[in-house]
Protein backbone atom coordinates (compact mmCIF):
# COMPACT_ATOMS: atom_id res chain seq x y z
CA MET A 1 -103.06 -120.43 -59.21
CA LYS A 2 -104.70 -123.46 -60.70
CA ILE A 3 -107.37 -124.05 -63.40
CA THR A 4 -110.60 -125.34 -61.91
CA ALA A 5 -113.01 -125.29 -64.74
CA ILE A 6 -113.15 -124.83 -68.64
CA ARG A 7 -116.69 -124.02 -69.76
CA PRO A 8 -117.53 -124.00 -73.49
CA TYR A 9 -120.64 -122.05 -74.73
CA ALA A 10 -121.98 -122.69 -78.07
CA ALA A 11 -124.75 -119.95 -78.53
CA TRP A 12 -126.60 -118.15 -81.19
CA ILE A 13 -125.27 -114.47 -81.14
CA GLY A 14 -126.10 -112.11 -84.13
CA ILE A 15 -126.69 -114.14 -87.34
CA ARG A 16 -124.90 -117.28 -86.25
CA ASN A 17 -123.62 -119.35 -83.52
CA GLN A 18 -120.47 -118.33 -81.52
CA LEU A 19 -118.33 -120.55 -79.50
CA LEU A 20 -117.08 -118.93 -76.27
CA VAL A 21 -114.76 -120.58 -73.67
CA LYS A 22 -114.44 -119.51 -69.88
CA VAL A 23 -111.46 -120.66 -67.91
CA GLU A 24 -111.91 -120.54 -64.12
CA THR A 25 -109.21 -120.62 -61.53
CA ASP A 26 -109.17 -121.14 -57.83
CA GLU A 27 -108.15 -117.57 -57.27
CA GLY A 28 -111.40 -116.23 -58.69
CA ILE A 29 -109.97 -114.94 -61.84
CA TYR A 30 -111.09 -115.97 -65.02
CA GLY A 31 -110.44 -115.52 -68.69
CA TRP A 32 -112.66 -115.65 -71.80
CA GLY A 33 -111.63 -117.02 -75.40
CA GLU A 34 -113.36 -117.69 -78.68
CA SER A 35 -113.26 -120.34 -81.41
CA GLY A 36 -113.25 -119.42 -85.13
CA LEU A 37 -114.51 -122.39 -86.75
CA SER A 38 -117.84 -121.24 -87.70
CA GLY A 39 -120.33 -123.70 -88.43
CA ARG A 40 -118.64 -126.59 -86.65
CA GLU A 41 -118.95 -125.28 -83.07
CA LEU A 42 -119.97 -128.72 -81.57
CA ALA A 43 -117.06 -130.48 -82.99
CA VAL A 44 -114.77 -127.79 -81.28
CA GLU A 45 -116.75 -127.89 -78.05
CA GLY A 46 -116.05 -131.69 -77.98
CA ALA A 47 -112.26 -130.98 -78.38
CA ILE A 48 -112.38 -128.44 -75.69
CA ARG A 49 -114.01 -130.97 -73.37
CA HIS A 50 -111.17 -133.46 -74.17
CA TYR A 51 -108.59 -130.68 -73.40
CA ALA A 52 -110.34 -129.99 -70.10
CA GLU A 53 -109.21 -133.11 -68.61
CA LEU A 54 -105.45 -132.26 -69.29
CA LEU A 55 -105.79 -128.63 -68.00
CA ILE A 56 -107.79 -128.97 -64.73
CA GLY A 57 -105.45 -128.43 -61.86
CA ARG A 58 -102.60 -126.78 -64.12
CA ASP A 59 -100.95 -123.25 -63.66
CA PRO A 60 -102.79 -121.08 -66.25
CA MET A 61 -99.55 -118.65 -66.21
CA ASN A 62 -97.56 -121.20 -68.19
CA ILE A 63 -99.31 -120.58 -71.37
CA SER A 64 -96.66 -121.61 -74.13
CA ALA A 65 -95.93 -124.89 -72.33
CA LEU A 66 -99.60 -125.60 -71.97
CA TRP A 67 -100.00 -124.74 -75.71
CA GLN A 68 -97.28 -127.26 -76.61
CA GLU A 69 -98.88 -129.88 -74.46
CA LEU A 70 -102.26 -129.52 -75.88
CA TYR A 71 -100.90 -129.48 -79.55
CA ARG A 72 -98.55 -132.60 -79.12
CA SER A 73 -100.53 -134.49 -76.50
CA GLN A 74 -102.07 -136.80 -79.09
CA TYR A 75 -100.78 -138.59 -82.21
CA TYR A 76 -103.00 -136.89 -84.51
CA GLU A 77 -101.81 -133.36 -83.63
CA GLY A 78 -103.13 -130.30 -85.32
CA GLY A 79 -105.98 -129.66 -87.67
CA ARG A 80 -108.76 -126.99 -87.84
CA VAL A 81 -110.87 -128.55 -85.21
CA LEU A 82 -108.14 -129.01 -82.51
CA GLN A 83 -106.48 -125.69 -83.44
CA ALA A 84 -109.71 -123.78 -82.91
CA ALA A 85 -110.06 -125.37 -79.61
CA ILE A 86 -106.38 -124.47 -78.49
CA SER A 87 -106.98 -120.91 -79.81
CA ALA A 88 -110.04 -120.48 -77.61
CA ILE A 89 -108.25 -121.66 -74.52
CA ASP A 90 -105.06 -119.95 -75.33
CA ILE A 91 -106.79 -116.60 -75.49
CA ALA A 92 -108.52 -117.18 -72.22
CA LEU A 93 -105.27 -117.97 -70.65
CA HIS A 94 -103.95 -114.69 -71.87
CA ASP A 95 -106.95 -112.94 -70.30
CA ILE A 96 -106.32 -114.58 -67.07
CA LYS A 97 -102.68 -113.89 -66.96
CA GLY A 98 -103.31 -110.09 -67.77
CA LYS A 99 -105.80 -109.82 -65.01
CA ALA A 100 -103.73 -111.53 -62.63
CA LEU A 101 -100.75 -109.16 -63.39
CA GLY A 102 -102.84 -106.28 -63.56
CA VAL A 103 -101.82 -105.52 -67.34
CA PRO A 104 -103.43 -105.48 -70.83
CA VAL A 105 -102.93 -108.55 -72.88
CA TYR A 106 -100.56 -106.57 -75.29
CA GLN A 107 -98.21 -106.11 -72.31
CA LEU A 108 -97.69 -109.74 -72.18
CA LEU A 109 -96.88 -109.70 -75.78
CA GLY A 110 -94.17 -107.05 -75.60
CA GLY A 111 -96.03 -103.80 -75.35
CA LYS A 112 -97.83 -101.64 -77.87
CA HIS A 113 -96.81 -100.12 -80.90
CA ARG A 114 -99.90 -98.01 -81.47
CA ASP A 115 -102.95 -96.49 -79.48
CA ARG A 116 -105.39 -97.07 -82.33
CA VAL A 117 -106.02 -100.06 -84.62
CA ALA A 118 -107.20 -99.06 -88.08
CA THR A 119 -109.95 -101.33 -89.60
CA PHE A 120 -111.16 -102.09 -93.07
CA ALA A 121 -114.76 -102.34 -93.95
CA THR A 122 -116.84 -104.44 -96.36
CA THR A 123 -119.62 -103.30 -98.68
CA THR A 124 -122.72 -105.60 -98.63
CA ALA A 125 -124.33 -104.81 -101.73
CA ALA A 126 -123.93 -106.98 -104.89
CA SER A 127 -121.37 -105.66 -107.50
CA GLY A 128 -123.21 -102.61 -109.07
CA ALA A 129 -124.04 -98.87 -108.31
CA GLU A 130 -125.22 -99.62 -104.88
CA MET A 131 -121.93 -101.18 -103.98
CA ILE A 132 -119.96 -98.03 -105.18
CA GLU A 133 -122.38 -95.87 -103.14
CA GLN A 134 -121.82 -97.99 -99.80
CA ALA A 135 -118.22 -97.56 -100.44
CA ARG A 136 -118.59 -93.74 -100.66
CA ILE A 137 -120.48 -93.90 -97.34
CA LEU A 138 -117.67 -95.86 -95.76
CA ARG A 139 -115.02 -93.43 -97.19
CA ASP A 140 -117.00 -90.55 -95.80
CA HIS A 141 -117.14 -92.09 -92.30
CA GLY A 142 -113.15 -92.46 -92.32
CA TRP A 143 -112.51 -95.83 -93.80
CA THR A 144 -109.37 -95.72 -95.90
CA CYS A 145 -109.35 -99.41 -96.89
CA ILE A 146 -112.65 -101.00 -98.28
CA ARG A 147 -113.26 -104.46 -99.45
CA VAL A 148 -116.10 -105.19 -101.93
CA LEU A 149 -117.66 -108.56 -102.52
CA ALA A 150 -117.48 -110.44 -105.79
CA SER A 151 -120.56 -110.73 -107.99
CA GLY A 152 -122.71 -113.79 -106.85
CA HIS A 153 -121.30 -113.64 -103.29
CA HIS A 154 -124.91 -113.85 -101.64
CA ALA A 155 -125.79 -116.97 -103.89
CA THR A 156 -127.55 -119.44 -101.67
CA GLU A 157 -128.14 -122.45 -104.18
CA ILE A 158 -126.77 -122.07 -107.61
CA PHE A 159 -123.28 -120.35 -108.28
CA GLU A 160 -121.64 -120.47 -111.74
CA PRO A 161 -118.21 -118.83 -111.26
CA ARG A 162 -117.84 -117.95 -114.88
CA GLU A 163 -120.88 -116.34 -115.09
CA HIS A 164 -119.70 -113.67 -112.39
CA ILE A 165 -116.17 -113.01 -113.57
CA GLY A 166 -116.96 -110.46 -116.23
CA LYS A 167 -119.50 -108.40 -114.11
CA THR A 168 -117.14 -108.42 -111.07
CA ALA A 169 -114.22 -107.18 -113.31
CA HIS A 170 -116.43 -104.30 -114.90
CA TRP A 171 -117.58 -103.09 -111.50
CA MET A 172 -114.06 -103.06 -110.00
CA VAL A 173 -112.96 -100.83 -112.73
CA ARG A 174 -115.94 -98.57 -112.26
CA ALA A 175 -115.32 -98.40 -108.52
CA ARG A 176 -111.63 -97.52 -109.02
CA GLU A 177 -112.78 -94.80 -111.57
CA GLU A 178 -115.38 -93.38 -109.29
CA LEU A 179 -113.51 -93.51 -105.83
CA SER A 180 -110.32 -91.86 -104.83
CA ASP A 181 -106.98 -93.34 -106.00
CA ASP A 182 -105.83 -93.09 -102.41
CA LEU A 183 -108.62 -95.58 -101.27
CA VAL A 184 -107.19 -99.02 -100.75
CA LEU A 185 -109.70 -101.24 -102.71
CA GLY A 186 -109.97 -105.01 -102.50
CA VAL A 187 -112.28 -107.83 -103.68
CA GLU A 188 -113.30 -110.90 -101.86
CA PHE A 189 -113.92 -114.15 -103.80
CA HIS A 190 -114.17 -116.40 -100.72
CA HIS A 191 -112.03 -119.23 -102.64
CA ARG A 192 -114.88 -119.84 -105.10
CA LEU A 193 -112.68 -119.69 -108.33
CA THR A 194 -110.46 -122.41 -109.91
CA LEU A 195 -106.85 -121.32 -110.93
CA ALA A 196 -108.04 -120.80 -114.77
CA GLU A 197 -111.09 -118.72 -113.49
CA ALA A 198 -109.03 -116.74 -111.05
CA GLY A 199 -106.45 -115.97 -113.78
CA SER A 200 -109.04 -114.91 -116.21
CA PHE A 201 -110.52 -112.58 -113.70
CA CYS A 202 -107.14 -111.02 -112.81
CA GLN A 203 -106.15 -110.49 -116.38
CA LYS A 204 -109.42 -108.59 -117.00
CA MET A 205 -108.09 -105.83 -114.43
CA PRO A 206 -106.08 -102.85 -115.56
CA SER A 207 -102.99 -102.81 -113.52
CA GLY A 208 -103.62 -100.69 -110.32
CA THR A 209 -107.26 -101.12 -110.18
CA LEU A 210 -107.33 -103.24 -107.14
CA ASP A 211 -104.84 -103.25 -104.11
CA PHE A 212 -105.70 -106.81 -103.04
CA VAL A 213 -107.70 -109.92 -104.12
CA GLU A 214 -108.73 -112.03 -101.21
CA GLU A 215 -108.86 -115.72 -101.42
CA PRO A 216 -109.60 -116.10 -105.17
CA ILE A 217 -108.77 -119.91 -104.88
CA ARG A 218 -108.56 -122.58 -102.27
CA ALA A 219 -105.23 -122.63 -100.43
CA GLU A 220 -104.53 -126.39 -100.02
CA ALA A 221 -101.72 -126.17 -102.80
CA PRO A 222 -99.25 -123.23 -102.63
CA GLU A 223 -98.12 -124.37 -106.19
CA ALA A 224 -101.50 -123.25 -107.47
CA TYR A 225 -101.12 -119.74 -105.86
CA GLU A 226 -97.54 -119.65 -107.43
CA ALA A 227 -99.16 -120.35 -110.81
CA LEU A 228 -101.60 -117.51 -110.19
CA ARG A 229 -98.92 -115.11 -109.40
CA ARG A 230 -97.33 -115.57 -112.65
CA LEU A 231 -100.72 -114.53 -114.41
CA THR A 232 -101.28 -111.35 -112.39
CA ASP A 233 -99.67 -108.38 -110.48
CA ILE A 234 -102.55 -107.94 -107.84
CA PRO A 235 -101.43 -108.39 -104.37
CA PHE A 236 -103.03 -111.55 -102.58
CA ALA A 237 -104.68 -111.47 -99.24
CA ILE A 238 -104.56 -115.19 -97.92
CA GLY A 239 -104.57 -117.33 -94.74
CA GLU A 240 -107.95 -116.74 -92.82
CA GLU A 241 -108.57 -120.47 -92.91
CA PHE A 242 -104.89 -121.60 -92.02
CA SER A 243 -104.52 -123.34 -88.63
CA SER A 244 -100.93 -123.27 -88.01
CA LYS A 245 -97.56 -121.81 -88.65
CA TRP A 246 -96.73 -124.83 -90.89
CA GLN A 247 -99.67 -123.96 -93.09
CA PHE A 248 -98.23 -120.28 -93.49
CA LEU A 249 -94.78 -121.57 -94.09
CA PRO A 250 -94.67 -122.16 -97.84
CA PHE A 251 -96.80 -118.89 -98.32
CA ILE A 252 -94.42 -116.77 -96.44
CA GLU A 253 -91.27 -118.29 -97.37
CA ARG A 254 -91.90 -118.35 -101.15
CA GLY A 255 -93.46 -114.93 -101.19
CA ILE A 256 -96.84 -116.03 -102.15
CA LEU A 257 -98.80 -113.64 -100.00
CA GLN A 258 -98.74 -109.88 -99.62
CA HIS A 259 -101.39 -109.25 -97.14
CA ASN A 260 -101.48 -111.85 -94.23
CA ARG A 261 -105.17 -112.71 -93.24
CA LEU A 262 -104.29 -114.65 -89.93
CA ASP A 263 -107.42 -115.54 -87.71
CA VAL A 264 -106.31 -115.53 -84.15
CA CYS A 265 -109.30 -117.85 -83.24
CA ASN A 266 -108.37 -120.31 -85.80
CA VAL A 267 -104.56 -120.29 -85.91
CA GLY A 268 -103.80 -121.36 -82.34
CA GLY A 269 -104.39 -118.15 -80.24
CA LEU A 270 -102.10 -115.51 -79.46
CA THR A 271 -99.17 -117.86 -78.73
CA GLU A 272 -99.08 -119.14 -82.48
CA ALA A 273 -100.13 -115.59 -83.93
CA MET A 274 -97.03 -114.00 -82.35
CA LYS A 275 -94.84 -116.53 -83.99
CA ILE A 276 -96.49 -116.05 -87.42
CA ALA A 277 -96.43 -112.16 -87.13
CA GLY A 278 -92.51 -112.32 -86.36
CA TRP A 279 -91.91 -114.44 -89.33
CA SER A 280 -94.03 -112.34 -91.61
CA GLU A 281 -92.29 -109.24 -90.37
CA ALA A 282 -89.05 -110.88 -91.58
CA HIS A 283 -90.40 -111.06 -95.07
CA TYR A 284 -91.97 -107.53 -94.94
CA ILE A 285 -95.48 -108.89 -94.87
CA ASP A 286 -98.00 -106.95 -92.80
CA LEU A 287 -101.01 -108.55 -90.84
CA MET A 288 -104.40 -107.90 -92.11
CA PRO A 289 -106.42 -110.07 -89.63
CA HIS A 290 -109.46 -111.90 -90.38
CA ASN A 291 -112.23 -110.99 -87.70
CA PRO A 292 -115.81 -111.95 -88.63
CA LEU A 293 -116.63 -113.35 -85.20
CA GLY A 294 -117.69 -111.70 -81.81
CA ALA A 295 -116.28 -109.34 -79.39
CA ILE A 296 -113.68 -111.44 -77.96
CA CYS A 297 -112.08 -112.29 -81.23
CA THR A 298 -112.14 -108.55 -81.91
CA ALA A 299 -110.38 -107.90 -78.39
CA ALA A 300 -107.91 -110.42 -78.95
CA SER A 301 -106.95 -109.22 -82.58
CA VAL A 302 -106.71 -105.64 -81.07
CA HIS A 303 -104.15 -106.70 -78.55
CA LEU A 304 -102.20 -108.69 -81.34
CA ALA A 305 -102.45 -105.60 -83.78
CA ALA A 306 -101.12 -103.35 -80.97
CA ALA A 307 -98.24 -105.65 -80.07
CA ILE A 308 -96.59 -105.97 -83.60
CA PRO A 309 -94.89 -103.58 -85.94
CA ASN A 310 -96.10 -105.16 -89.10
CA PHE A 311 -99.81 -104.32 -89.04
CA SER A 312 -102.17 -102.81 -91.72
CA TRP A 313 -105.82 -103.24 -90.97
CA LEU A 314 -108.11 -105.31 -89.07
CA GLU A 315 -111.37 -106.58 -90.44
CA THR A 316 -114.67 -105.17 -88.80
CA ARG A 317 -118.13 -106.14 -89.59
CA SER A 318 -119.74 -103.43 -87.68
CA THR A 319 -120.04 -100.18 -90.00
CA PRO A 320 -122.63 -97.88 -91.30
CA VAL A 321 -123.49 -100.32 -94.03
CA GLU A 322 -123.15 -103.63 -92.28
CA ALA A 323 -124.21 -104.90 -88.85
CA LEU A 324 -124.06 -108.51 -88.20
CA GLY A 325 -124.67 -108.29 -84.46
CA PHE A 326 -121.65 -110.56 -83.49
CA GLU A 327 -120.85 -108.18 -80.79
CA ALA A 328 -124.20 -107.87 -79.30
CA VAL A 329 -124.26 -105.56 -76.24
CA GLU A 330 -126.96 -107.98 -74.58
CA VAL A 331 -124.08 -110.47 -74.14
CA PHE A 332 -120.87 -108.56 -74.05
CA THR A 333 -121.33 -105.86 -71.40
CA SER A 334 -117.81 -104.33 -71.91
CA GLN A 335 -115.96 -104.49 -75.09
CA ILE A 336 -113.33 -102.54 -77.31
CA ALA A 337 -114.22 -99.04 -77.91
CA ARG A 338 -114.50 -97.61 -81.47
CA GLN A 339 -113.73 -94.29 -82.71
CA GLY A 340 -114.49 -93.60 -86.33
CA ALA A 341 -112.98 -96.36 -88.46
CA ASP A 342 -110.55 -97.18 -85.41
CA LEU A 343 -110.67 -99.54 -82.54
CA LEU A 344 -109.11 -98.01 -79.51
CA VAL A 345 -106.34 -100.04 -77.68
CA PRO A 346 -107.57 -100.51 -74.10
CA SER A 347 -105.64 -100.14 -70.89
CA THR A 348 -107.78 -102.36 -68.75
CA PRO A 349 -106.16 -105.62 -67.47
CA GLY A 350 -106.65 -108.61 -69.64
CA LEU A 351 -108.61 -108.46 -72.84
CA GLY A 352 -110.94 -105.74 -71.71
CA ILE A 353 -114.06 -107.85 -72.32
CA GLU A 354 -116.78 -108.93 -70.02
CA VAL A 355 -119.45 -111.21 -70.90
CA ASP A 356 -123.06 -111.66 -69.16
CA GLU A 357 -122.83 -115.46 -68.53
CA ALA A 358 -126.43 -115.52 -67.47
CA ARG A 359 -127.53 -114.17 -70.92
CA LEU A 360 -125.30 -116.42 -72.43
CA HIS A 361 -127.00 -119.40 -70.89
CA SER A 362 -130.23 -118.30 -72.32
CA GLU A 363 -128.87 -117.93 -75.85
CA HIS A 364 -129.20 -121.58 -77.19
CA PHE A 365 -127.16 -123.30 -79.94
CA ARG A 366 -129.24 -123.34 -83.20
CA SER A 367 -128.50 -125.70 -86.03
CA TRP A 368 -126.86 -123.61 -88.95
CA GLN A 369 -125.21 -124.54 -92.03
CA PRO A 370 -123.45 -122.26 -94.58
CA PRO A 371 -124.98 -122.35 -97.93
CA ILE A 372 -124.21 -125.41 -99.90
CA LEU A 373 -123.71 -124.18 -103.70
CA ARG A 374 -124.14 -125.98 -106.73
CA ARG A 375 -123.40 -125.47 -110.35
CA ARG A 376 -126.21 -125.82 -112.79
CA ASP A 377 -125.28 -129.43 -113.67
CA GLY A 378 -125.76 -130.36 -109.97
CA SER A 379 -122.09 -130.61 -108.86
CA ILE A 380 -121.03 -129.03 -105.71
CA THR A 381 -118.91 -125.75 -105.84
CA ASN A 382 -117.29 -123.80 -103.18
CA TRP A 383 -119.16 -121.51 -100.91
């Protein structure tokens, strides 16, 4: 079997663009992958076109060797753009291999540990009574792990972090008081705080209020997270923007993260994700994968979750209180089945995903940028 074509599709699906990749072979077997670098799809598409020159005519079954060649084939290896491209290709190659061998992708990864993959859900309302009511709805529909958004999360122009710390802290305490102690409760800050701001927020939390705080600060400096760890006992959920095992290295080895938010479409695909999962297992860290993309990312994440022992919850953005449309049935004609708060591990060969390619051709790329937030003095702050 030889690779004959690699076709990237940057198209508007749901509320923003997705970058899907189709890898074709001379035996008529094809695979689908997805890139996770939202907002920079055209940059990743360019990288995929560079990689296509290396891959045409190659054996798609040699996934690990091809991964090494793609990663090490240029002097400037790695980085988020290249790794997002490698991720999409790697996932598609696993889809091909599973179909060729007649087995689900998790069988290529060692077999399955579970039949169902638990998910966590996210409230969409701003910090307040409606947020708590949405959490109750999710709990009543079977979710046992719920993430809420920090005050100011929906800002589109002006965001002053300090103005939202106290309000967020107040409503986190209220949420814990009004919801069951058995509910796993976390808050997402989207790395909008400085170290001092994050420390101030965490110190306003009575011990036991939150089960995790997600991405409170940017993660370029592990030492900053170590300093924050000394200021709080709240577990950290980190890693959704990491693009390699080397970025995870200090966070795992130095015990900085407690929930691993690996994104299979950013980190280098299933090949790299399995290495990080094993490394995390050795340090008693469970994976809580990032999954805000489409049906292909969900499918790849479900196969990963099935194949590892150290798994907790997979992110889902399709719930009774949130529907982003990333898994649009008009495009994805076959996808992972859901039952309550769980995704069911499929038994079909490959990823278990089918794409209406004709419909995909009609869904055009749209120019989109995430909000560019500023403080009141005009300076840039994190989105």
